[in-house]
Protein backbone atom coordinates (compact mmCIF):
# COMPACT_ATOMS: atom_id res chain seq x y z
CA MET A 1 38.28 -20.57 56.46
CA GLU A 2 41.26 -20.12 58.79
CA ILE A 3 44.83 -21.23 58.38
CA ASP A 4 46.82 -20.99 61.60
CA ILE A 5 50.38 -21.34 60.38
CA PHE A 6 52.26 -18.57 62.14
CA THR A 7 53.93 -18.61 65.53
CA LYS A 8 55.06 -15.22 66.82
CA VAL A 9 58.71 -15.22 67.77
CA LYS A 10 60.70 -12.00 67.84
CA SER A 11 64.25 -12.97 68.58
CA TYR A 12 67.27 -13.44 66.37
CA ASP A 13 70.23 -15.56 67.28
CA GLU A 14 73.76 -14.19 67.03
CA GLU A 15 74.55 -16.25 63.93
CA GLU A 16 71.70 -14.71 61.96
CA GLN A 17 72.54 -11.19 63.04
CA SER A 18 75.99 -11.70 61.54
CA MET A 19 74.58 -12.87 58.17
CA ASN A 20 74.73 -10.26 55.46
CA SER A 21 72.11 -9.69 52.79
CA THR A 22 74.09 -11.56 50.14
CA GLU A 23 74.18 -14.71 52.29
CA LYS A 24 70.45 -14.47 53.01
CA TYR A 25 69.66 -13.88 49.33
CA GLU A 26 71.68 -16.95 48.33
CA ILE A 27 69.81 -19.15 50.83
CA PHE A 28 66.49 -17.66 49.66
CA ARG A 29 67.37 -18.31 46.00
CA SER A 30 68.38 -21.90 46.66
CA GLU A 31 65.34 -22.74 48.79
CA ILE A 32 62.63 -21.12 46.68
CA LEU A 33 63.91 -22.45 43.36
CA SER A 34 63.50 -25.96 44.75
CA LEU A 35 59.82 -25.64 45.76
CA ARG A 36 58.12 -28.83 44.59
CA CYS A 37 54.65 -27.32 44.32
CA LEU A 38 55.85 -24.78 41.75
CA LYS A 39 57.68 -27.46 39.79
CA ALA A 40 54.52 -29.61 39.83
CA MET A 41 52.61 -26.70 38.25
CA GLU A 42 55.37 -26.42 35.64
CA PHE A 43 56.69 -23.07 36.86
CA ILE A 44 60.25 -22.23 35.92
CA GLY A 45 62.14 -19.80 38.12
CA GLU A 46 64.29 -16.98 36.83
CA VAL A 47 66.49 -15.04 39.22
CA ARG A 48 66.06 -11.31 38.71
CA GLY A 49 68.53 -10.50 41.49
CA VAL A 50 68.83 -7.54 43.80
CA THR A 51 66.29 -4.78 43.30
CA LEU A 52 67.16 -1.28 44.40
CA ALA A 53 65.20 0.52 47.08
CA THR A 54 62.51 2.96 45.97
CA GLU A 55 60.49 5.54 47.84
CA ILE A 56 57.99 2.90 48.98
CA MET A 57 59.89 -0.40 48.70
CA PRO A 58 63.18 -1.43 50.31
CA GLU A 59 65.99 -3.24 48.53
CA GLY A 60 65.18 -6.87 47.95
CA TYR A 61 65.96 -10.03 46.07
CA LEU A 62 63.50 -10.95 43.31
CA ILE A 63 62.78 -14.27 41.67
CA GLU A 64 60.09 -14.61 39.01
CA PHE A 65 58.43 -17.88 38.11
CA SER A 66 56.42 -18.43 34.95
CA ASN A 67 54.62 -21.29 33.26
CA GLN A 68 53.17 -21.97 29.82
CA ARG A 69 49.65 -21.21 31.10
CA ASN A 70 49.92 -17.42 31.10
CA ARG A 71 50.79 -17.11 34.78
CA SER A 72 53.78 -15.70 36.61
CA ILE A 73 54.64 -15.39 40.28
CA ARG A 74 57.01 -12.70 41.58
CA VAL A 75 58.57 -13.49 44.95
CA LYS A 76 60.69 -10.86 46.65
CA LEU A 77 62.59 -11.10 49.94
CA MET A 78 63.13 -7.75 51.66
CA ASP A 79 64.70 -6.69 54.94
CA VAL A 80 62.28 -4.32 56.63
CA GLU A 81 63.48 -3.12 60.04
CA GLY A 82 65.46 -6.30 60.57
CA LYS A 83 62.55 -8.56 59.62
CA GLY A 84 62.59 -10.75 56.56
CA VAL A 85 59.45 -9.82 54.62
CA VAL A 86 58.35 -11.75 51.55
CA SER A 87 56.05 -10.18 48.97
CA ILE A 88 54.34 -12.41 46.45
CA PHE A 89 52.43 -11.26 43.37
CA VAL A 90 50.54 -13.44 40.91
CA ARG A 91 50.17 -12.14 37.35
CA ASN A 92 48.02 -13.12 34.43
CA THR A 93 50.47 -12.55 31.58
CA GLU A 94 47.66 -12.65 29.02
CA ASN A 95 45.52 -9.78 30.36
CA LYS A 96 48.29 -8.18 32.49
CA GLU A 97 46.20 -8.27 35.71
CA ILE A 98 48.06 -8.82 38.96
CA PHE A 99 47.27 -9.40 42.63
CA SER A 100 49.27 -9.81 45.80
CA LEU A 101 48.90 -13.16 47.51
CA VAL A 102 48.08 -11.42 50.80
CA SER A 103 45.28 -9.45 49.07
CA TRP A 104 43.92 -12.65 47.50
CA LEU A 105 43.87 -14.40 50.89
CA LYS A 106 41.94 -11.47 52.39
CA PHE A 107 39.61 -11.37 49.36
CA LYS A 108 38.82 -15.08 49.86
CA ASN A 109 38.41 -14.59 53.64
CA ILE A 110 41.28 -16.94 54.40
CA ASP A 111 42.75 -15.77 57.69
CA VAL A 112 46.49 -16.29 57.97
CA ALA A 113 46.71 -14.15 61.11
CA ILE A 114 49.13 -11.65 59.57
CA ARG A 115 49.19 -8.55 57.35
CA GLY A 116 52.12 -9.79 55.30
CA PHE A 117 54.58 -12.63 55.19
CA HIS A 118 57.20 -12.00 57.88
CA LEU A 119 59.95 -14.54 58.50
CA ILE A 120 60.37 -13.24 62.03
CA ASP A 121 57.01 -14.88 62.79
CA TYR A 122 58.75 -18.27 62.65
CA VAL A 123 61.02 -20.09 65.08
CA GLY A 124 64.74 -20.65 64.50
CA ASP A 125 67.58 -19.15 62.53
CA PHE A 126 67.10 -17.55 59.11
CA THR A 127 67.40 -20.80 57.15
CA THR A 128 65.01 -22.68 59.43
CA ARG A 129 62.44 -19.88 59.40
CA LEU A 130 62.67 -19.55 55.61
CA HIS A 131 62.24 -23.29 55.19
CA SER A 132 59.18 -23.27 57.50
CA PHE A 133 57.69 -20.30 55.66
CA LEU A 134 58.19 -21.97 52.28
CA GLY A 135 56.49 -25.12 53.59
CA ASP A 136 53.48 -23.02 54.56
CA LEU A 137 53.62 -21.18 51.25
CA SER A 138 53.52 -24.52 49.43
CA LEU A 139 50.33 -25.43 51.29
CA ILE A 140 48.74 -22.11 50.33
CA LEU A 141 49.79 -22.34 46.67
CA SER A 142 48.40 -25.88 46.48
CA MET A 143 44.94 -24.89 47.76
CA ALA A 144 42.32 -25.69 45.11
CA PRO A 145 41.09 -22.15 44.41
CA LEU A 146 44.60 -20.73 44.08
CA SER A 147 46.09 -23.68 42.23
CA ALA A 148 43.32 -23.34 39.61
CA ILE A 149 44.42 -19.74 39.08
CA LEU A 150 48.10 -20.71 38.90
CA LEU A 151 47.34 -23.49 36.42
CA GLY A 152 45.53 -21.05 34.15
CA ASP A 153 42.10 -22.64 34.57
CA THR A 154 40.55 -19.48 36.01
CA TRP A 155 41.37 -15.90 37.02
CA GLU A 156 40.03 -13.62 39.72
CA THR A 157 40.23 -9.85 39.79
CA VAL A 158 41.31 -8.97 43.31
CA PRO A 159 41.12 -5.47 44.81
CA PHE A 160 44.59 -4.23 45.75
CA ASP A 161 45.15 -3.33 49.41
CA TRP A 162 47.26 -0.19 49.27
CA GLY A 163 47.79 -0.31 53.03
CA GLY A 164 47.73 3.49 53.39
CA MET A 165 50.24 4.11 50.59
CA ARG A 166 47.76 5.86 48.32
C-alpha cells in the first residue's frame, strides 16, 4: 500500500524565519489539540510542554494524548536543522509496549515516501504546513489497522528502527 501525501519543498518565507520556538509551539499546541480524529477516538490531550535537549534528541514541545482504552499517543515537535520534525509514539499503557508511528508504517509496508515526519516537506508558511501535515496525520490515524490499535481492540509489537543510534 502506498500513501503519497508529501510534496518536497525546501524554502522558508521571511515571516516563518522570524518566528521563534515559542510562537511555533503555541500554534502546534492549538492545532493538534483540535484534531477531530483524536477526539472521535476519545483521546484527551495533555500539554507536557517544552522538553530539554538530550544527547540524541533536540529540544521540543510535547503533547500526550490518552484514552480510556489503555492507549496513549506522544506527539513532539522538534526543530532539527531548521526543519520542523514531528515524532509520534503510540503506547499500550497496559503492557507498557510502545512503537513509533514511522516504524509501524514501515512494519505494515505503508510507504509514505519519507523517513520521518518533516514539516519542510509541505508547501507554505509554518501554520499552513502544520495544518497540511495534521490533515495527513488524521488520515493515517483513521486507517482501519491503526485505528483498531488506538481504540484498544488490538495491539501489534513493532520492531523499533534505531536509525543508526544503537
